[in-house]
Protein backbone atom coordinates (compact mmCIF):
# COMPACT_ATOMS: atom_id res chain seq x y z
CA UNK A 1 25.74 16.19 -0.08
CA UNK A 2 27.16 12.85 1.18
CA UNK A 3 24.40 12.67 3.82
CA UNK A 4 21.70 13.17 1.18
CA UNK A 5 23.31 10.58 -1.09
CA UNK A 6 23.51 8.10 1.80
CA UNK A 7 19.83 8.64 2.65
CA UNK A 8 18.82 8.10 -0.99
CA UNK A 9 20.87 4.89 -1.15
CA UNK A 10 19.18 3.54 2.00
CA UNK A 11 15.79 4.51 0.59
CA UNK A 12 16.34 2.60 -2.65
CA UNK A 13 17.76 -0.43 -0.86
CA UNK A 14 14.57 -0.51 1.23
CA UNK A 15 12.35 -0.11 -1.83
CA UNK A 16 14.12 -2.87 -3.79
CA UNK A 17 14.10 -5.23 -0.79
CA UNK A 18 10.38 -4.68 -0.14
CA UNK A 19 9.44 -5.21 -3.79
CA UNK A 20 11.49 -8.42 -3.99
CA UNK A 21 9.98 -9.77 -0.75
CA UNK A 22 6.51 -8.74 -1.91
CA UNK A 23 6.85 -10.72 -5.15
CA UNK A 24 8.20 -13.75 -3.26
CA UNK A 25 5.36 -13.68 -0.71
CA UNK A 26 2.70 -13.35 -3.41
CA UNK A 27 4.06 -16.27 -5.42
CA UNK A 28 4.48 -18.35 -2.25
CA UNK A 29 0.90 -17.65 -1.14
CA UNK A 30 -0.65 -18.33 -4.56
CA UNK A 31 1.26 -21.53 -5.35
CA UNK A 32 1.65 -23.07 -1.89
CA UNK A 33 -1.73 -22.21 -0.35
CA UNK A 34 -4.23 -20.98 -2.95
CA UNK A 35 -3.48 -23.33 -5.85
CA UNK A 36 -2.31 -26.35 -3.85
CA UNK A 37 -5.24 -25.91 -1.43
CA UNK A 38 -7.80 -25.77 -4.23
CA UNK A 39 -8.64 -22.14 -3.53
CA UNK A 40 -9.16 -19.36 -6.00
CA UNK A 41 -8.52 -15.66 -5.44
CA UNK A 42 -10.19 -12.31 -5.85
CA UNK A 43 -9.58 -9.65 -8.47
CA UNK A 44 -7.77 -10.36 -11.72
CA UNK A 45 -5.63 -12.97 -9.99
CA UNK A 46 -8.83 -14.92 -9.39
CA UNK A 47 -9.85 -14.46 -13.02
CA UNK A 48 -6.43 -15.74 -14.07
CA UNK A 49 -6.73 -18.78 -11.80
CA UNK A 50 -10.18 -19.54 -13.25
CA UNK A 51 -8.88 -19.28 -16.81
CA UNK A 52 -5.94 -21.51 -15.87
CA UNK A 53 -8.37 -24.09 -14.46
CA UNK A 54 -10.65 -23.94 -17.51
CA UNK A 55 -7.69 -24.38 -19.90
CA UNK A 56 -6.03 -27.08 -17.76
CA UNK A 57 -3.00 -24.87 -17.26
CA UNK A 58 -2.44 -24.11 -20.96
CA UNK A 59 -2.90 -20.38 -20.27
CA UNK A 60 -0.70 -19.83 -17.18
CA UNK A 61 -1.58 -17.33 -14.45
CA UNK A 62 1.81 -15.61 -14.86
CA UNK A 63 1.14 -14.76 -18.54
CA UNK A 64 -2.41 -13.57 -17.83
CA UNK A 65 -1.24 -11.21 -15.07
CA UNK A 66 1.36 -9.62 -17.33
CA UNK A 67 -1.13 -9.07 -20.19
CA UNK A 68 -4.03 -7.73 -18.10
CA UNK A 69 -1.84 -5.30 -16.18
CA UNK A 70 -0.62 -3.35 -19.21
CA UNK A 71 -3.79 -1.18 -19.61
CA UNK A 72 -4.11 -0.86 -15.82
CA UNK A 73 -0.51 0.30 -15.59
CA UNK A 74 -1.31 3.04 -18.11
CA UNK A 75 -4.23 4.14 -15.86
CA UNK A 76 -1.88 4.19 -12.86
CA UNK A 77 0.87 6.05 -14.72
CA UNK A 78 -1.34 9.06 -15.42
CA UNK A 79 -3.61 9.04 -12.35
CA UNK A 80 -1.72 7.55 -9.39
CA UNK A 81 1.96 8.25 -10.02
CA UNK A 82 4.68 7.58 -12.59
CA UNK A 83 7.31 6.09 -10.29
CA UNK A 84 4.57 4.18 -8.47
CA UNK A 85 3.45 2.53 -11.71
CA UNK A 86 7.00 1.67 -12.80
CA UNK A 87 7.76 0.04 -9.43
CA UNK A 88 4.41 -1.76 -9.54
CA UNK A 89 5.12 -3.22 -12.97
CA UNK A 90 8.53 -4.44 -11.75
CA UNK A 91 6.71 -6.11 -8.86
CA UNK A 92 4.25 -7.73 -11.29
CA UNK A 93 7.05 -9.05 -13.51
CA UNK A 94 8.94 -10.47 -10.51
CA UNK A 95 5.86 -12.13 -9.03
CA UNK A 96 5.02 -13.65 -12.45
CA UNK A 97 8.58 -15.00 -12.61
CA UNK A 98 8.41 -16.47 -9.09
CA UNK A 99 5.05 -18.10 -9.89
CA UNK A 100 6.93 -20.26 -12.38
CA UNK A 101 9.63 -21.05 -9.81
CA UNK A 102 7.66 -21.98 -6.68
CA UNK A 103 6.24 -25.53 -6.63
CA UNK A 104 2.54 -26.13 -6.04
CA UNK A 105 3.13 -28.94 -3.57
CA UNK A 106 0.58 -29.31 -0.79
CA UNK A 107 1.96 -27.89 2.45
CA UNK A 108 -1.30 -27.88 4.45
CA UNK A 109 -4.13 -30.37 3.90
CA UNK A 110 -6.86 -28.44 5.74
CA UNK A 111 -8.73 -26.01 3.44
CA UNK A 112 -9.41 -23.47 6.20
CA UNK A 113 -5.74 -23.38 7.20
CA UNK A 114 -4.81 -22.86 3.55
CA UNK A 115 -7.24 -19.93 3.43
CA UNK A 116 -5.82 -18.38 6.62
CA UNK A 117 -2.15 -18.85 5.71
CA UNK A 118 -2.71 -17.81 2.10
CA UNK A 119 -4.58 -14.68 3.18
CA UNK A 120 -1.88 -13.66 5.66
CA UNK A 121 1.06 -14.17 3.28
CA UNK A 122 -0.73 -12.59 0.32
CA UNK A 123 -1.76 -9.61 2.48
CA UNK A 124 1.84 -9.19 3.63
CA UNK A 125 2.95 -9.26 0.01
CA UNK A 126 0.49 -6.52 -0.93
CA UNK A 127 1.46 -4.46 2.13
CA UNK A 128 5.19 -4.62 1.40
CA UNK A 129 4.56 -3.50 -2.17
CA UNK A 130 2.46 -0.56 -0.94
CA UNK A 131 5.07 0.41 1.66
CA UNK A 132 7.67 0.43 -1.12
CA UNK A 133 5.51 2.83 -3.13
CA UNK A 134 4.12 0.19 -5.49
CA UNK A 135 1.22 -2.25 -5.71
CA UNK A 136 0.61 -5.81 -6.88
CA UNK A 137 -1.33 -4.77 -9.98
CA UNK A 138 -4.77 -5.88 -11.12
CA UNK A 139 -7.64 -4.52 -9.07
CA UNK A 140 -5.09 -2.91 -6.73
CA UNK A 141 -4.58 -0.22 -9.40
CA UNK A 142 -8.34 0.42 -9.45
CA UNK A 143 -8.69 0.35 -5.63
CA UNK A 144 -5.77 2.74 -5.13
CA UNK A 145 -7.09 5.05 -7.84
CA UNK A 146 -10.37 5.30 -5.88
CA UNK A 147 -8.43 5.61 -2.58
CA UNK A 148 -6.41 8.56 -3.91
CA UNK A 149 -9.47 10.31 -5.33
CA UNK A 150 -11.80 9.77 -2.35
CA UNK A 151 -9.21 9.53 0.47
CA UNK A 152 -10.60 6.26 1.83
CA UNK A 153 -9.19 2.85 2.72
CA UNK A 154 -7.59 1.00 -0.17
CA UNK A 155 -8.14 -2.31 1.62
CA UNK A 156 -11.92 -1.80 1.68
CA UNK A 157 -12.12 -1.32 -2.07
CA UNK A 158 -9.77 -4.26 -2.67
CA UNK A 159 -12.18 -6.41 -0.66
CA UNK A 160 -15.20 -5.22 -2.68
CA UNK A 161 -13.56 -5.73 -6.08
CA UNK A 162 -12.13 -9.10 -5.07
CA UNK A 163 -15.50 -10.16 -3.65
CA UNK A 164 -17.19 -9.63 -7.02
CA UNK A 165 -14.80 -12.08 -8.69
CA UNK A 166 -15.25 -14.60 -5.88
CA UNK A 167 -19.04 -14.51 -6.32
CA UNK A 168 -18.55 -15.34 -9.99
CA UNK A 169 -16.22 -18.20 -9.06
CA UNK A 170 -18.92 -19.61 -6.74
CA UNK A 171 -21.12 -20.24 -9.79
CA UNK A 172 -18.45 -22.28 -11.59
CA UNK A 173 -16.60 -24.01 -8.74
CA UNK A 174 -19.09 -24.26 -5.90
CA UNK A 175 -20.07 -22.23 -2.86
CA UNK A 176 -17.69 -24.01 -0.46
CA UNK A 177 -14.55 -23.04 -2.38
CA UNK A 178 -15.88 -19.50 -2.84
CA UNK A 179 -16.46 -19.10 0.91
CA UNK A 180 -12.96 -20.32 1.79
CA UNK A 181 -11.53 -18.00 -0.85
CA UNK A 182 -13.58 -15.12 0.57
CA UNK A 183 -12.12 -15.86 4.02
CA UNK A 184 -8.59 -15.68 2.57
CA UNK A 185 -9.42 -12.43 0.76
CA UNK A 186 -10.93 -10.87 3.89
CA UNK A 187 -7.82 -11.79 5.91
CA UNK A 188 -5.48 -10.32 3.27
CA UNK A 189 -7.50 -7.06 3.16
CA UNK A 190 -7.33 -6.77 6.96
CA UNK A 191 -3.57 -7.26 6.88
CA UNK A 192 -3.33 -4.46 4.28
CA UNK A 193 -5.51 -2.11 6.35
CA UNK A 194 -3.43 -2.75 9.51
CA UNK A 195 -0.06 -2.13 7.81
CA UNK A 196 -0.78 0.33 5.02
CA UNK A 197 -2.32 3.55 6.40
CA UNK A 198 -1.39 6.04 3.70
CA UNK A 199 -4.95 7.40 3.43
CA UNK A 200 -5.10 8.28 7.17
CA UNK A 201 -4.55 11.89 8.22
CA UNK A 202 -2.88 13.28 11.32
CA UNK A 203 -2.60 16.76 12.83
CA UNK A 204 0.90 18.00 13.55
CA UNK A 205 1.26 20.77 16.15
CA UNK A 206 4.73 22.29 16.60
CA UNK A 207 6.03 24.77 19.17
CA UNK A 208 9.40 26.23 18.21
CA UNK A 209 11.76 29.20 18.35
CA UNK A 210 12.27 28.99 14.58
CA UNK A 211 8.71 29.16 13.28
CA UNK A 212 9.25 30.97 9.94
CA UNK A 213 12.12 28.64 8.93
CA UNK A 214 10.22 25.45 9.82
CA UNK A 215 6.91 26.54 8.26
CA UNK A 216 8.63 27.47 5.00
CA UNK A 217 10.55 24.18 4.96
CA UNK A 218 7.32 22.21 5.48
CA UNK A 219 5.62 24.10 2.64
CA UNK A 220 8.57 23.46 0.33
CA UNK A 221 8.55 19.76 1.23
CA UNK A 222 4.86 19.05 0.54
CA UNK A 223 1.58 20.25 -0.90
CA UNK A 224 -0.25 20.96 2.36
CA UNK A 225 -1.00 24.32 3.92
CA UNK A 226 0.70 25.42 7.14
CA UNK A 227 -0.66 27.85 9.73
CA UNK A 228 1.76 29.74 11.98
CA UNK A 229 0.71 31.73 15.05
CA UNK A 230 2.64 33.65 17.73
CA UNK A 231 2.82 31.94 21.11
CA UNK A 232 4.47 32.51 24.50
CA UNK A 233 5.90 30.00 26.93
CA UNK A 234 3.98 30.28 30.20
CA UNK A 235 6.91 29.10 32.32
CA UNK A 236 9.80 30.87 30.55
CA UNK A 237 7.80 33.79 29.15
CA UNK A 238 9.81 33.34 25.92
CA UNK A 239 8.30 34.17 22.53
CA UNK A 240 7.53 31.07 20.47
CA UNK A 241 5.78 30.10 17.23
CA UNK A 242 2.89 27.65 17.08
CA UNK A 243 2.68 25.76 13.75
CA UNK A 244 -0.37 23.74 12.72
CA UNK A 245 -0.67 21.43 9.71
CA UNK A 246 -2.57 18.30 8.63
CA UNK A 247 -0.62 15.65 6.74
CA UNK A 248 -0.81 12.00 5.68
CA UNK A 249 0.65 9.40 8.04
CA UNK A 250 3.37 8.44 5.58
CA UNK A 251 4.63 12.05 5.60
CA UNK A 252 5.20 12.15 9.38
CA UNK A 253 8.76 10.77 9.36
CA UNK A 254 9.94 13.20 6.67
CA UNK A 255 8.36 16.23 8.34
CA UNK A 256 9.74 15.26 11.74
CA UNK A 257 13.23 15.05 10.27
CA UNK A 258 12.86 18.52 8.70
CA UNK A 259 11.63 20.03 11.98
CA UNK A 260 14.42 18.68 14.18
CA UNK A 261 17.11 19.45 11.64
CA UNK A 262 16.12 23.11 11.96
CA UNK A 263 15.26 23.14 15.66
CA UNK A 264 16.45 20.17 17.77
CA UNK A 265 14.55 21.60 20.77
CA UNK A 266 11.16 21.86 19.03
CA UNK A 267 8.08 20.37 20.71
CA UNK A 268 5.94 18.27 18.35
CA UNK A 269 2.52 16.75 19.06
CA UNK A 270 0.90 14.39 16.50
CA UNK A 271 -2.74 13.38 16.85
CA UNK A 272 -5.12 11.39 14.65
CA UNK A 273 -7.54 13.45 12.54
CA UNK A 274 -10.85 11.58 12.64
CA UNK A 275 -12.81 13.99 10.44
CA UNK A 276 -11.43 16.40 7.87
CA UNK A 277 -13.39 19.01 5.93
CA UNK A 278 -12.12 21.60 3.47
CA UNK A 279 -9.43 21.61 0.82
CA UNK A 280 -6.90 18.87 1.56
CA UNK A 281 -4.61 17.96 -1.34
CA UNK A 282 -3.26 14.42 -1.33
CA UNK A 283 0.17 13.67 -2.73
CA UNK A 284 0.36 11.23 -5.60
CA UNK A 285 2.12 7.91 -5.09
CA UNK A 286 5.65 8.98 -6.06
């Protein structure tokens, strides 16, 4: 019981730390590179920045982000995951708070460097939120909803949705600013795709003396099917069990822990699943 409690405590410390750092990085990127560098942004953040520019700052970005994310949070609550949505809204509130704290002083005078630095830091902020089981709100809710339903890259859909807003901004603020903003958005989406790989699938092959126990534990732990077959060690001639299952990359650590808790001498091989056909059920973001 103490071991389980200790693991849960570590898990929540990690989640809280990632969400806090995510909010800080987002606010830092938006204020110190996007706004100070004259850039805009994609998605609803970009819409908020445009509104802020049109109103000369009388309708702050922080207020807009809070208001627009309420209906999107409802969508996420029922379709992506309850805990996911709650953590995401905490992230949104914190980032809105930090937007009012960070100054908008110019750190870098070159527009391209602002786009590169802003894209990297903003992408890291999004990635940390996703790794904590949350998101940064706005179009991220929509992109992740599509990602969960279609089992494709969230970063790709973030880039598409953000690109639409950037094209609109080109009409009002000029093509040059739109192109630099698009560069920043592309960089942030690439950072997300390199770090956050939840949608990717891997095949887990296990050879063990305790096949029935491990297969049942894996079934109890997730929603994926498990196939178990009899096997025999060619060198030892001992009877073994061969277990085969396909899981998401984020489930690997948990499954590995289950396997070696039951059989410390198990042999586990994990390979990337490039193509997957048939009935694969994806876990919600919980």
